[in-house]
């Protein structure tokens, strides 16, 4: 499957947040992995820019997996994915007190887990 392409800009994140009170940003991962890839690092850069531009803003980082593997392992993996993003944001200079990280495992899919394309969309951090 072709990799998902996402264009992220801090200004668009702020617009969504202002309009809806939340913003969903997809940072995708390879199966069984929680290390950030290049597109994930670019997204983290925009999250950092958003937080720097809005010093009172605090965010929740939520990790998710596909349904490959057992639920307990997927829960731990999703927590590691959320912490991976959180750690990258903190490493860029954002106070950890403005962030929270939680993992939902395979329990909140956004796509059908019966196809590789669907599973790829489910391996994400929002």
PDB file of N, CA and C in Angstrom:
ATOM      1  N   UNK A   1       0.842  -1.182   0.000  1.00  0.00           N
ATOM      2  CA  UNK A   1       0.000   0.000   0.000  1.00  0.00           C
ATOM      3  C   UNK A   1       0.877   1.231   0.000  1.00  0.00           C
ATOM      4  N   UNK A   2       0.438   2.250  -0.692  1.00  0.00           N
ATOM      5  CA  UNK A   2       1.171   3.512  -0.738  1.00  0.00           C
ATOM      6  C   UNK A   2       1.055   4.207   0.610  1.00  0.00           C
ATOM      7  N   UNK A   3       2.116   4.889   1.031  1.00  0.00           N
ATOM      8  CA  UNK A   3       2.042   5.588   2.308  1.00  0.00           C
ATOM      9  C   UNK A   3       1.024   6.715   2.246  1.00  0.00           C
ATOM     10  N   UNK A   4       0.378   6.949   3.396  1.00  0.00           N
ATOM     11  CA  UNK A   4      -0.576   8.053   3.486  1.00  0.00           C
ATOM     12  C   UNK A   4       0.200   9.361   3.488  1.00  0.00           C
ATOM     13  N   UNK A   5      -0.320  10.358   2.809  1.00  0.00           N
ATOM     14  CA  UNK A   5       0.311  11.670   2.767  1.00  0.00           C
ATOM     15  C   UNK A   5      -0.617  12.649   3.484  1.00  0.00           C
ATOM     16  N   UNK A   6      -0.040  13.420   4.371  1.00  0.00           N
ATOM     17  CA  UNK A   6      -0.812  14.386   5.136  1.00  0.00           C
ATOM     18  C   UNK A   6      -0.046  15.694   5.164  1.00  0.00           C
ATOM     19  N   UNK A   7      -0.712  16.764   4.832  1.00  0.00           N
ATOM     20  CA  UNK A   7      -0.097  18.083   4.900  1.00  0.00           C
ATOM     21  C   UNK A   7      -0.620  18.749   6.159  1.00  0.00           C
ATOM     22  N   UNK A   8       0.310  19.123   7.028  1.00  0.00           N
ATOM     23  CA  UNK A   8      -0.062  19.698   8.318  1.00  0.00           C
ATOM     24  C   UNK A   8       0.574  21.079   8.432  1.00  0.00           C
ATOM     25  N   UNK A   9      -0.213  22.039   8.866  1.00  0.00           N
ATOM     26  CA  UNK A   9       0.297  23.385   9.140  1.00  0.00           C
ATOM     27  C   UNK A   9      -0.304  23.852  10.456  1.00  0.00           C
ATOM     28  N   UNK A  10       0.518  24.480  11.282  1.00  0.00           N
ATOM     29  CA  UNK A  10       0.060  24.955  12.590  1.00  0.00           C
ATOM     30  C   UNK A  10      -1.159  25.851  12.460  1.00  0.00           C
ATOM     31  N   UNK A  11      -1.192  26.703  11.431  1.00  0.00           N
ATOM     32  CA  UNK A  11      -2.332  27.606  11.262  1.00  0.00           C
ATOM     33  C   UNK A  11      -3.619  26.833  10.993  1.00  0.00           C
ATOM     34  N   UNK A  12      -3.539  25.760  10.222  1.00  0.00           N
ATOM     35  CA  UNK A  12      -4.728  24.940   9.959  1.00  0.00           C
ATOM     36  C   UNK A  12      -5.162  24.189  11.219  1.00  0.00           C
ATOM     37  N   UNK A  13      -4.186  23.740  12.010  1.00  0.00           N
ATOM     38  CA  UNK A  13      -4.509  23.091  13.274  1.00  0.00           C
ATOM     39  C   UNK A  13      -5.260  24.072  14.183  1.00  0.00           C
ATOM     40  N   UNK A  14      -4.773  25.311  14.249  1.00  0.00           N
ATOM     41  CA  UNK A  14      -5.414  26.318  15.088  1.00  0.00           C
ATOM     42  C   UNK A  14      -6.824  26.628  14.582  1.00  0.00           C
ATOM     43  N   UNK A  15      -6.990  26.720  13.269  1.00  0.00           N
ATOM     44  CA  UNK A  15      -8.323  26.976  12.696  1.00  0.00           C
ATOM     45  C   UNK A  15      -9.307  25.883  13.103  1.00  0.00           C
ATOM     46  N   UNK A  16      -8.890  24.628  12.986  1.00  0.00           N
ATOM     47  CA  UNK A  16      -9.757  23.502  13.374  1.00  0.00           C
ATOM     48  C   UNK A  16     -10.086  23.552  14.856  1.00  0.00           C
ATOM     49  N   UNK A  17      -9.080  23.821  15.654  1.00  0.00           N
ATOM     50  CA  UNK A  17      -9.261  23.900  17.105  1.00  0.00           C
ATOM     51  C   UNK A  17     -10.232  25.022  17.464  1.00  0.00           C
ATOM     52  N   UNK A  18     -10.086  26.154  16.825  1.00  0.00           N
ATOM     53  CA  UNK A  18     -10.973  27.292  17.090  1.00  0.00           C
ATOM     54  C   UNK A  18     -12.406  27.008  16.663  1.00  0.00           C
ATOM     55  N   UNK A  19     -12.557  26.308  15.557  1.00  0.00           N
ATOM     56  CA  UNK A  19     -13.886  26.022  15.026  1.00  0.00           C
ATOM     57  C   UNK A  19     -14.613  24.928  15.785  1.00  0.00           C
ATOM     58  N   UNK A  20     -13.869  23.843  16.124  1.00  0.00           N
ATOM     59  CA  UNK A  20     -14.512  22.648  16.667  1.00  0.00           C
ATOM     60  C   UNK A  20     -14.165  22.334  18.120  1.00  0.00           C
ATOM     61  N   UNK A  21     -13.155  22.997  18.673  1.00  0.00           N
ATOM     62  CA  UNK A  21     -12.755  22.718  20.046  1.00  0.00           C
ATOM     63  C   UNK A  21     -11.793  21.548  20.164  1.00  0.00           C
ATOM     64  N   UNK A  22     -11.490  20.907  19.055  1.00  0.00           N
ATOM     65  CA  UNK A  22     -10.508  19.818  19.023  1.00  0.00           C
ATOM     66  C   UNK A  22      -9.977  19.714  17.605  1.00  0.00           C
ATOM     67  N   UNK A  23      -8.859  19.039  17.476  1.00  0.00           N
ATOM     68  CA  UNK A  23      -8.295  18.775  16.152  1.00  0.00           C
ATOM     69  C   UNK A  23      -7.744  17.358  16.151  1.00  0.00           C
ATOM     70  N   UNK A  24      -7.970  16.658  15.078  1.00  0.00           N
ATOM     71  CA  UNK A  24      -7.430  15.313  14.942  1.00  0.00           C
ATOM     72  C   UNK A  24      -6.309  15.366  13.921  1.00  0.00           C
ATOM     73  N   UNK A  25      -5.159  14.899  14.334  1.00  0.00           N
ATOM     74  CA  UNK A  25      -3.975  14.861  13.483  1.00  0.00           C
ATOM     75  C   UNK A  25      -3.493  13.425  13.468  1.00  0.00           C
ATOM     76  N   UNK A  26      -3.314  12.863  12.303  1.00  0.00           N
ATOM     77  CA  UNK A  26      -2.915  11.465  12.207  1.00  0.00           C
ATOM     78  C   UNK A  26      -1.415  11.341  11.994  1.00  0.00           C
ATOM     79  N   UNK A  27      -0.771  10.670  12.936  1.00  0.00           N
ATOM     80  CA  UNK A  27       0.643  10.327  12.823  1.00  0.00           C
ATOM     81  C   UNK A  27       0.674   8.809  12.761  1.00  0.00           C
ATOM     82  N   UNK A  28       1.069   8.285  11.622  1.00  0.00           N
ATOM     83  CA  UNK A  28       0.982   6.847  11.379  1.00  0.00           C
ATOM     84  C   UNK A  28       2.288   6.128  11.683  1.00  0.00           C
ATOM     85  N   UNK A  29       2.175   4.820  11.951  1.00  0.00           N
ATOM     86  CA  UNK A  29       3.292   3.988  12.361  1.00  0.00           C
ATOM     87  C   UNK A  29       3.282   2.673  11.605  1.00  0.00           C
ATOM     88  N   UNK A  30       4.452   2.072  11.467  1.00  0.00           N
ATOM     89  CA  UNK A  30       4.555   0.731  10.900  1.00  0.00           C
ATOM     90  C   UNK A  30       4.021  -0.274  11.920  1.00  0.00           C
ATOM     91  N   UNK A  31       3.621  -1.431  11.453  1.00  0.00           N
ATOM     92  CA  UNK A  31       3.101  -2.481  12.326  1.00  0.00           C
ATOM     93  C   UNK A  31       4.099  -2.795  13.429  1.00  0.00           C
ATOM     94  N   UNK A  32       3.614  -2.793  14.671  1.00  0.00           N
ATOM     95  CA  UNK A  32       4.430  -3.177  15.815  1.00  0.00           C
ATOM     96  C   UNK A  32       5.483  -2.168  16.219  1.00  0.00           C
ATOM     97  N   UNK A  33       5.484  -0.968  15.626  1.00  0.00           N
ATOM     98  CA  UNK A  33       6.535   0.024  15.890  1.00  0.00           C
ATOM     99  C   UNK A  33       5.951   1.269  16.546  1.00  0.00           C
ATOM    100  N   UNK A  34       6.813   1.981  17.263  1.00  0.00           N
ATOM    101  CA  UNK A  34       6.386   3.246  17.847  1.00  0.00           C
ATOM    102  C   UNK A  34       7.394   4.354  17.614  1.00  0.00           C
ATOM    103  N   UNK A  35       8.370   4.113  16.733  1.00  0.00           N
ATOM    104  CA  UNK A  35       9.323   5.162  16.398  1.00  0.00           C
ATOM    105  C   UNK A  35       8.727   6.076  15.328  1.00  0.00           C
ATOM    106  N   UNK A  36       8.980   7.364  15.477  1.00  0.00           N
ATOM    107  CA  UNK A  36       8.442   8.348  14.538  1.00  0.00           C
ATOM    108  C   UNK A  36       9.187   8.281  13.216  1.00  0.00           C
ATOM    109  N   UNK A  37       8.443   8.348  12.129  1.00  0.00           N
ATOM    110  CA  UNK A  37       9.017   8.394  10.795  1.00  0.00           C
ATOM    111  C   UNK A  37       9.082   9.848  10.355  1.00  0.00           C
ATOM    112  N   UNK A  38       9.667  10.117   9.187  1.00  0.00           N
ATOM    113  CA  UNK A  38       9.888  11.492   8.728  1.00  0.00           C
ATOM    114  C   UNK A  38       8.602  12.311   8.693  1.00  0.00           C
ATOM    115  N   UNK A  39       7.508  11.736   8.177  1.00  0.00           N
ATOM    116  CA  UNK A  39       6.266  12.513   8.120  1.00  0.00           C
ATOM    117  C   UNK A  39       5.736  12.789   9.525  1.00  0.00           C
ATOM    118  N   UNK A  40       5.957  11.876  10.449  1.00  0.00           N
ATOM    119  CA  UNK A  40       5.560  12.088  11.838  1.00  0.00           C
ATOM    120  C   UNK A  40       6.356  13.202  12.487  1.00  0.00           C
ATOM    121  N   UNK A  41       7.642  13.260  12.183  1.00  0.00           N
ATOM    122  CA  UNK A  41       8.485  14.328  12.733  1.00  0.00           C
ATOM    123  C   UNK A  41       8.070  15.687  12.182  1.00  0.00           C
ATOM    124  N   UNK A  42       7.669  15.741  10.918  1.00  0.00           N
ATOM    125  CA  UNK A  42       7.176  16.998  10.349  1.00  0.00           C
ATOM    126  C   UNK A  42       5.890  17.433  11.066  1.00  0.00           C
ATOM    127  N   UNK A  43       5.014  16.480  11.327  1.00  0.00           N
ATOM    128  CA  UNK A  43       3.773  16.790  12.036  1.00  0.00           C
ATOM    129  C   UNK A  43       4.070  17.279  13.450  1.00  0.00           C
ATOM    130  N   UNK A  44       5.027  16.638  14.118  1.00  0.00           N
ATOM    131  CA  UNK A  44       5.419  17.073  15.464  1.00  0.00           C
ATOM    132  C   UNK A  44       5.917  18.514  15.420  1.00  0.00           C
ATOM    133  N   UNK A  45       6.659  18.867  14.380  1.00  0.00           N
ATOM    134  CA  UNK A  45       7.143  20.241  14.236  1.00  0.00           C
ATOM    135  C   UNK A  45       6.007  21.242  14.177  1.00  0.00           C
ATOM    136  N   UNK A  46       4.922  20.877  13.508  1.00  0.00           N
ATOM    137  CA  UNK A  46       3.765  21.767  13.427  1.00  0.00           C
ATOM    138  C   UNK A  46       3.010  21.817  14.758  1.00  0.00           C
ATOM    139  N   UNK A  47       2.980  20.708  15.472  1.00  0.00           N
ATOM    140  CA  UNK A  47       2.379  20.704  16.810  1.00  0.00           C
ATOM    141  C   UNK A  47       3.164  21.644  17.723  1.00  0.00           C
ATOM    142  N   UNK A  48       4.481  21.567  17.648  1.00  0.00           N
ATOM    143  CA  UNK A  48       5.346  22.444  18.451  1.00  0.00           C
ATOM    144  C   UNK A  48       5.087  23.899  18.083  1.00  0.00           C
ATOM    145  N   UNK A  49       4.989  24.192  16.797  1.00  0.00           N
ATOM    146  CA  UNK A  49       4.717  25.564  16.362  1.00  0.00           C
ATOM    147  C   UNK A  49       3.371  26.042  16.912  1.00  0.00           C
ATOM    148  N   UNK A  50       2.347  25.188  16.825  1.00  0.00           N
ATOM    149  CA  UNK A  50       1.026  25.528  17.355  1.00  0.00           C
ATOM    150  C   UNK A  50       1.109  25.848  18.847  1.00  0.00           C
ATOM    151  N   UNK A  51       1.810  25.011  19.601  1.00  0.00           N
ATOM    152  CA  UNK A  51       1.921  25.212  21.049  1.00  0.00           C
ATOM    153  C   UNK A  51       2.759  26.440  21.391  1.00  0.00           C
ATOM    154  N   UNK A  52       3.797  26.701  20.610  1.00  0.00           N
ATOM    155  CA  UNK A  52       4.590  27.917  20.835  1.00  0.00           C
ATOM    156  C   UNK A  52       3.780  29.171  20.543  1.00  0.00           C
ATOM    157  N   UNK A  53       2.937  29.112  19.519  1.00  0.00           N
ATOM    158  CA  UNK A  53       2.111  30.266  19.155  1.00  0.00           C
ATOM    159  C   UNK A  53       0.952  30.494  20.125  1.00  0.00           C
ATOM    160  N   UNK A  54       0.620  29.463  20.907  1.00  0.00           N
ATOM    161  CA  UNK A  54      -0.527  29.525  21.816  1.00  0.00           C
ATOM    162  C   UNK A  54      -0.113  28.993  23.182  1.00  0.00           C
ATOM    163  N   UNK A  55       0.599  29.795  23.969  1.00  0.00           N
ATOM    164  CA  UNK A  55       1.207  29.316  25.207  1.00  0.00           C
ATOM    165  C   UNK A  55       0.233  28.804  26.272  1.00  0.00           C
ATOM    166  N   UNK A  56      -1.036  29.127  26.185  1.00  0.00           N
ATOM    167  CA  UNK A  56      -2.009  28.631  27.167  1.00  0.00           C
ATOM    168  C   UNK A  56      -2.624  27.295  26.746  1.00  0.00           C
ATOM    169  N   UNK A  57      -2.327  26.853  25.538  1.00  0.00           N
ATOM    170  CA  UNK A  57      -2.926  25.631  24.996  1.00  0.00           C
ATOM    171  C   UNK A  57      -2.270  24.381  25.590  1.00  0.00           C
ATOM    172  N   UNK A  58      -3.090  23.414  25.972  1.00  0.00           N
ATOM    173  CA  UNK A  58      -2.625  22.092  26.416  1.00  0.00           C
ATOM    174  C   UNK A  58      -3.307  21.061  25.535  1.00  0.00           C
ATOM    175  N   UNK A  59      -2.632  19.944  25.254  1.00  0.00           N
ATOM    176  CA  UNK A  59      -3.203  18.943  24.356  1.00  0.00           C
ATOM    177  C   UNK A  59      -3.092  17.529  24.926  1.00  0.00           C
ATOM    178  N   UNK A  60      -3.975  16.679  24.443  1.00  0.00           N
ATOM    179  CA  UNK A  60      -3.955  15.250  24.747  1.00  0.00           C
ATOM    180  C   UNK A  60      -3.442  14.525  23.509  1.00  0.00           C
ATOM    181  N   UNK A  61      -2.515  13.606  23.692  1.00  0.00           N
ATOM    182  CA  UNK A  61      -1.954  12.813  22.600  1.00  0.00           C
ATOM    183  C   UNK A  61      -2.435  11.385  22.801  1.00  0.00           C
ATOM    184  N   UNK A  62      -3.129  10.846  21.799  1.00  0.00           N
ATOM    185  CA  UNK A  62      -3.800   9.556  21.927  1.00  0.00           C
ATOM    186  C   UNK A  62      -3.265   8.551  20.911  1.00  0.00           C
ATOM    187  N   UNK A  63      -2.775   7.413  21.400  1.00  0.00           N
ATOM    188  CA  UNK A  63      -2.208   6.376  20.543  1.00  0.00           C
ATOM    189  C   UNK A  63      -3.211   5.287  20.213  1.00  0.00           C
ATOM    190  N   UNK A  64      -3.081   4.725  19.006  1.00  0.00           N
ATOM    191  CA  UNK A  64      -3.977   3.680  18.518  1.00  0.00           C
ATOM    192  C   UNK A  64      -3.189   2.638  17.725  1.00  0.00           C
ATOM    193  N   UNK A  65      -3.755   1.435  17.608  1.00  0.00           N
ATOM    194  CA  UNK A  65      -3.146   0.362  16.827  1.00  0.00           C
ATOM    195  C   UNK A  65      -4.188  -0.256  15.896  1.00  0.00           C
ATOM    196  N   UNK A  66      -3.701  -1.131  15.018  1.00  0.00           N
ATOM    197  CA  UNK A  66      -4.624  -1.966  14.254  1.00  0.00           C
ATOM    198  C   UNK A  66      -4.966  -3.178  15.122  1.00  0.00           C
ATOM    199  N   UNK A  67      -5.627  -4.179  14.558  1.00  0.00           N
ATOM    200  CA  UNK A  67      -6.042  -5.333  15.361  1.00  0.00           C
ATOM    201  C   UNK A  67      -5.102  -6.528  15.245  1.00  0.00           C
ATOM    202  N   UNK A  68      -3.914  -6.335  14.665  1.00  0.00           N
ATOM    203  CA  UNK A  68      -2.932  -7.411  14.569  1.00  0.00           C
ATOM    204  C   UNK A  68      -2.266  -7.564  15.933  1.00  0.00           C
ATOM    205  N   UNK A  69      -2.218  -8.790  16.444  1.00  0.00           N
ATOM    206  CA  UNK A  69      -1.643  -9.026  17.759  1.00  0.00           C
ATOM    207  C   UNK A  69      -2.723  -9.094  18.821  1.00  0.00           C
ATOM    208  N   UNK A  70      -2.287  -9.298  20.053  1.00  0.00           N
ATOM    209  CA  UNK A  70      -3.277  -9.438  21.125  1.00  0.00           C
ATOM    210  C   UNK A  70      -3.586  -8.071  21.736  1.00  0.00           C
ATOM    211  N   UNK A  71      -4.783  -7.927  22.297  1.00  0.00           N
ATOM    212  CA  UNK A  71      -5.209  -6.629  22.829  1.00  0.00           C
ATOM    213  C   UNK A  71      -4.262  -6.024  23.871  1.00  0.00           C
ATOM    214  N   UNK A  72      -3.703  -6.820  24.753  1.00  0.00           N
ATOM    215  CA  UNK A  72      -2.815  -6.276  25.789  1.00  0.00           C
ATOM    216  C   UNK A  72      -1.544  -5.692  25.172  1.00  0.00           C
ATOM    217  N   UNK A  73      -0.973  -6.392  24.207  1.00  0.00           N
ATOM    218  CA  UNK A  73       0.224  -5.878  23.525  1.00  0.00           C
ATOM    219  C   UNK A  73      -0.100  -4.613  22.747  1.00  0.00           C
ATOM    220  N   UNK A  74      -1.265  -4.595  22.115  1.00  0.00           N
ATOM    221  CA  UNK A  74      -1.667  -3.419  21.354  1.00  0.00           C
ATOM    222  C   UNK A  74      -1.904  -2.217  22.257  1.00  0.00           C
ATOM    223  N   UNK A  75      -2.434  -2.453  23.437  1.00  0.00           N
ATOM    224  CA  UNK A  75      -2.630  -1.364  24.402  1.00  0.00           C
ATOM    225  C   UNK A  75      -1.278  -0.752  24.777  1.00  0.00           C
ATOM    226  N   UNK A  76      -0.297  -1.605  25.091  1.00  0.00           N
ATOM    227  CA  UNK A  76       1.047  -1.121  25.443  1.00  0.00           C
ATOM    228  C   UNK A  76       1.684  -0.392  24.259  1.00  0.00           C
ATOM    229  N   UNK A  77       1.524  -0.930  23.050  1.00  0.00           N
ATOM    230  CA  UNK A  77       2.083  -0.302  21.859  1.00  0.00           C
ATOM    231  C   UNK A  77       1.468   1.081  21.644  1.00  0.00           C
ATOM    232  N   UNK A  78       0.159   1.186  21.817  1.00  0.00           N
ATOM    233  CA  UNK A  78      -0.501   2.484  21.616  1.00  0.00           C
ATOM    234  C   UNK A  78      -0.020   3.504  22.648  1.00  0.00           C
ATOM    235  N   UNK A  79       0.210   3.063  23.868  1.00  0.00           N
ATOM    236  CA  UNK A  79       0.747   3.960  24.893  1.00  0.00           C
ATOM    237  C   UNK A  79       2.152   4.423  24.520  1.00  0.00           C
ATOM    238  N   UNK A  80       2.973   3.494  23.995  1.00  0.00           N
ATOM    239  CA  UNK A  80       4.323   3.855  23.554  1.00  0.00           C
ATOM    240  C   UNK A  80       4.282   4.839  22.395  1.00  0.00           C
ATOM    241  N   UNK A  81       3.313   4.676  21.484  1.00  0.00           N
ATOM    242  CA  UNK A  81       3.181   5.612  20.356  1.00  0.00           C
ATOM    243  C   UNK A  81       2.837   7.011  20.854  1.00  0.00           C
ATOM    244  N   UNK A  82       1.908   7.098  21.776  1.00  0.00           N
ATOM    245  CA  UNK A  82       1.533   8.406  22.318  1.00  0.00           C
ATOM    246  C   UNK A  82       2.723   9.039  23.054  1.00  0.00           C
ATOM    247  N   UNK A  83       3.434   8.243  23.845  1.00  0.00           N
ATOM    248  CA  UNK A  83       4.606   8.767  24.567  1.00  0.00           C
ATOM    249  C   UNK A  83       5.712   9.181  23.601  1.00  0.00           C
ATOM    250  N   UNK A  84       5.877   8.461  22.496  1.00  0.00           N
ATOM    251  CA  UNK A  84       6.881   8.801  21.499  1.00  0.00           C
ATOM    252  C   UNK A  84       6.634  10.200  20.936  1.00  0.00           C
ATOM    253  N   UNK A  85       5.388  10.488  20.604  1.00  0.00           N
ATOM    254  CA  UNK A  85       5.042  11.819  20.101  1.00  0.00           C
ATOM    255  C   UNK A  85       5.221  12.853  21.208  1.00  0.00           C
ATOM    256  N   UNK A  86       4.736  12.545  22.401  1.00  0.00           N
ATOM    257  CA  UNK A  86       4.868  13.471  23.521  1.00  0.00           C
ATOM    258  C   UNK A  86       6.340  13.784  23.793  1.00  0.00           C
ATOM    259  N   UNK A  87       7.184  12.760  23.814  1.00  0.00           N
ATOM    260  CA  UNK A  87       8.612  12.973  24.069  1.00  0.00           C
ATOM    261  C   UNK A  87       9.247  13.848  22.996  1.00  0.00           C
ATOM    262  N   UNK A  88       8.833  13.682  21.737  1.00  0.00           N
ATOM    263  CA  UNK A  88       9.373  14.513  20.657  1.00  0.00           C
ATOM    264  C   UNK A  88       8.947  15.970  20.824  1.00  0.00           C
ATOM    265  N   UNK A  89       7.719  16.190  21.251  1.00  0.00           N
ATOM    266  CA  UNK A  89       7.224  17.553  21.480  1.00  0.00           C
ATOM    267  C   UNK A  89       7.985  18.187  22.653  1.00  0.00           C
ATOM    268  N   UNK A  90       8.185  17.432  23.718  1.00  0.00           N
ATOM    269  CA  UNK A  90       8.933  17.930  24.879  1.00  0.00           C
ATOM    270  C   UNK A  90      10.392  18.198  24.496  1.00  0.00           C
ATOM    271  N   UNK A  91      10.982  17.316  23.694  1.00  0.00           N
ATOM    272  CA  UNK A  91      12.375  17.499  23.268  1.00  0.00           C
ATOM    273  C   UNK A  91      12.535  18.778  22.447  1.00  0.00           C
ATOM    274  N   UNK A  92      11.462  19.231  21.824  1.00  0.00           N
ATOM    275  CA  UNK A  92      11.495  20.474  21.039  1.00  0.00           C
ATOM    276  C   UNK A  92      11.262  21.710  21.907  1.00  0.00           C
ATOM    277  N   UNK A  93      11.136  21.519  23.223  1.00  0.00           N
ATOM    278  CA  UNK A  93      11.074  22.652  24.124  1.00  0.00           C
ATOM    279  C   UNK A  93       9.719  22.956  24.742  1.00  0.00           C
ATOM    280  N   UNK A  94       8.720  22.120  24.508  1.00  0.00           N
ATOM    281  CA  UNK A  94       7.402  22.353  25.086  1.00  0.00           C
ATOM    282  C   UNK A  94       7.349  21.727  26.478  1.00  0.00           C
ATOM    283  N   UNK A  95       6.803  22.450  27.445  1.00  0.00           N
ATOM    284  CA  UNK A  95       6.672  21.972  28.822  1.00  0.00           C
ATOM    285  C   UNK A  95       5.773  20.726  28.859  1.00  0.00           C
ATOM    286  N   UNK A  96       6.257  19.655  29.458  1.00  0.00           N
ATOM    287  CA  UNK A  96       5.502  18.399  29.543  1.00  0.00           C
ATOM    288  C   UNK A  96       4.179  18.563  30.283  1.00  0.00           C
ATOM    289  N   UNK A  97       4.065  19.569  31.142  1.00  0.00           N
ATOM    290  CA  UNK A  97       2.832  19.820  31.869  1.00  0.00           C
ATOM    291  C   UNK A  97       1.675  20.242  30.973  1.00  0.00           C
ATOM    292  N   UNK A  98       1.975  20.628  29.749  1.00  0.00           N
ATOM    293  CA  UNK A  98       0.932  21.023  28.793  1.00  0.00           C
ATOM    294  C   UNK A  98       0.436  19.844  27.975  1.00  0.00           C
ATOM    295  N   UNK A  99       0.990  18.664  28.235  1.00  0.00           N
ATOM    296  CA  UNK A  99       0.694  17.492  27.420  1.00  0.00           C
ATOM    297  C   UNK A  99       0.231  16.327  28.276  1.00  0.00           C
ATOM    298  N   UNK A 100      -0.636  15.508  27.705  1.00  0.00           N
ATOM    299  CA  UNK A 100      -0.965  14.225  28.314  1.00  0.00           C
ATOM    300  C   UNK A 100      -0.909  13.174  27.209  1.00  0.00           C
ATOM    301  N   UNK A 101      -0.629  11.942  27.586  1.00  0.00           N
ATOM    302  CA  UNK A 101      -0.533  10.857  26.608  1.00  0.00           C
ATOM    303  C   UNK A 101      -1.329   9.665  27.125  1.00  0.00           C
ATOM    304  N   UNK A 102      -2.094   9.045  26.227  1.00  0.00           N
ATOM    305  CA  UNK A 102      -2.905   7.880  26.575  1.00  0.00           C
ATOM    306  C   UNK A 102      -2.936   6.940  25.380  1.00  0.00           C
ATOM    307  N   UNK A 103      -3.055   5.650  25.646  1.00  0.00           N
ATOM    308  CA  UNK A 103      -3.158   4.661  24.577  1.00  0.00           C
ATOM    309  C   UNK A 103      -4.480   3.926  24.631  1.00  0.00           C
ATOM    310  N   UNK A 104      -5.104   3.749  23.476  1.00  0.00           N
ATOM    311  CA  UNK A 104      -6.388   3.060  23.378  1.00  0.00           C
ATOM    312  C   UNK A 104      -6.279   1.683  22.734  1.00  0.00           C
ATOM    313  N   UNK A 105      -5.080   1.264  22.348  1.00  0.00           N
ATOM    314  CA  UNK A 105      -4.932  -0.036  21.700  1.00  0.00           C
ATOM    315  C   UNK A 105      -5.715  -0.102  20.411  1.00  0.00           C
ATOM    316  N   UNK A 106      -6.381  -1.236  20.206  1.00  0.00           N
ATOM    317  CA  UNK A 106      -7.125  -1.479  18.970  1.00  0.00           C
ATOM    318  C   UNK A 106      -8.601  -1.128  19.108  1.00  0.00           C
ATOM    319  N   UNK A 107      -8.985  -0.517  20.200  1.00  0.00           N
ATOM    320  CA  UNK A 107     -10.397  -0.331  20.527  1.00  0.00           C
ATOM    321  C   UNK A 107     -11.108   0.803  19.802  1.00  0.00           C
ATOM    322  N   UNK A 108     -10.374   1.715  19.133  1.00  0.00           N
ATOM    323  CA  UNK A 108     -11.015   2.844  18.457  1.00  0.00           C
ATOM    324  C   UNK A 108     -10.525   2.931  17.004  1.00  0.00           C
ATOM    325  N   UNK A 109     -10.860   1.943  16.185  1.00  0.00           N
ATOM    326  CA  UNK A 109     -10.410   1.998  14.789  1.00  0.00           C
ATOM    327  C   UNK A 109     -11.153   3.085  14.012  1.00  0.00           C
ATOM    328  N   UNK A 110     -10.486   3.627  13.003  1.00  0.00           N
ATOM    329  CA  UNK A 110     -11.122   4.595  12.115  1.00  0.00           C
ATOM    330  C   UNK A 110     -11.340   4.001  10.728  1.00  0.00           C
ATOM    331  N   UNK A 111     -10.814   2.805  10.509  1.00  0.00           N
ATOM    332  CA  UNK A 111     -10.913   2.156   9.201  1.00  0.00           C
ATOM    333  C   UNK A 111     -11.076   0.653   9.414  1.00  0.00           C
ATOM    334  N   UNK A 112     -11.436  -0.027   8.358  1.00  0.00           N
ATOM    335  CA  UNK A 112     -11.662  -1.461   8.392  1.00  0.00           C
ATOM    336  C   UNK A 112     -10.341  -2.210   8.552  1.00  0.00           C
ATOM    337  N   UNK A 113     -10.220  -3.009   9.592  1.00  0.00           N
ATOM    338  CA  UNK A 113      -8.999  -3.769   9.844  1.00  0.00           C
ATOM    339  C   UNK A 113      -8.849  -4.989   8.936  1.00  0.00           C
ATOM    340  N   UNK A 114      -9.784  -5.216   8.031  1.00  0.00           N
ATOM    341  CA  UNK A 114      -9.683  -6.376   7.140  1.00  0.00           C
ATOM    342  C   UNK A 114      -8.768  -6.148   5.949  1.00  0.00           C
ATOM    343  N   UNK A 115      -8.327  -4.905   5.742  1.00  0.00           N
ATOM    344  CA  UNK A 115      -7.405  -4.626   4.634  1.00  0.00           C
ATOM    345  C   UNK A 115      -6.142  -3.975   5.188  1.00  0.00           C
ATOM    346  N   UNK A 116      -5.042  -4.092   4.455  1.00  0.00           N
ATOM    347  CA  UNK A 116      -3.798  -3.461   4.879  1.00  0.00           C
ATOM    348  C   UNK A 116      -3.958  -1.946   4.901  1.00  0.00           C
ATOM    349  N   UNK A 117      -4.685  -1.402   3.944  1.00  0.00           N
ATOM    350  CA  UNK A 117      -4.904   0.046   3.922  1.00  0.00           C
ATOM    351  C   UNK A 117      -5.642   0.499   5.180  1.00  0.00           C
ATOM    352  N   UNK A 118      -6.653  -0.239   5.580  1.00  0.00           N
ATOM    353  CA  UNK A 118      -7.394   0.094   6.794  1.00  0.00           C
ATOM    354  C   UNK A 118      -6.534  -0.048   8.030  1.00  0.00           C
ATOM    355  N   UNK A 119      -5.764  -1.138   8.112  1.00  0.00           N
ATOM    356  CA  UNK A 119      -4.886  -1.327   9.273  1.00  0.00           C
ATOM    357  C   UNK A 119      -3.853  -0.206   9.363  1.00  0.00           C
ATOM    358  N   UNK A 120      -3.325   0.238   8.215  1.00  0.00           N
ATOM    359  CA  UNK A 120      -2.339   1.322   8.215  1.00  0.00           C
ATOM    360  C   UNK A 120      -2.951   2.604   8.788  1.00  0.00           C
ATOM    361  N   UNK A 121      -4.209   2.883   8.463  1.00  0.00           N
ATOM    362  CA  UNK A 121      -4.872   4.080   8.991  1.00  0.00           C
ATOM    363  C   UNK A 121      -5.102   3.970  10.496  1.00  0.00           C
ATOM    364  N   UNK A 122      -5.270   2.759  10.981  1.00  0.00           N
ATOM    365  CA  UNK A 122      -5.527   2.559  12.410  1.00  0.00           C
ATOM    366  C   UNK A 122      -4.273   2.646  13.263  1.00  0.00           C
ATOM    367  N   UNK A 123      -3.089   2.480  12.673  1.00  0.00           N
ATOM    368  CA  UNK A 123      -1.826   2.605  13.400  1.00  0.00           C
ATOM    369  C   UNK A 123      -1.445   4.083  13.429  1.00  0.00           C
ATOM    370  N   UNK A 124      -1.924   4.805  14.458  1.00  0.00           N
ATOM    371  CA  UNK A 124      -1.813   6.245  14.433  1.00  0.00           C
ATOM    372  C   UNK A 124      -1.762   6.835  15.837  1.00  0.00           C
ATOM    373  N   UNK A 125      -1.441   8.104  15.877  1.00  0.00           N
ATOM    374  CA  UNK A 125      -1.587   8.918  17.082  1.00  0.00           C
ATOM    375  C   UNK A 125      -2.433  10.108  16.684  1.00  0.00           C
ATOM    376  N   UNK A 126      -3.412  10.428  17.497  1.00  0.00           N
ATOM    377  CA  UNK A 126      -4.256  11.607  17.259  1.00  0.00           C
ATOM    378  C   UNK A 126      -3.961  12.642  18.323  1.00  0.00           C
TER     379      UNK A 126
END
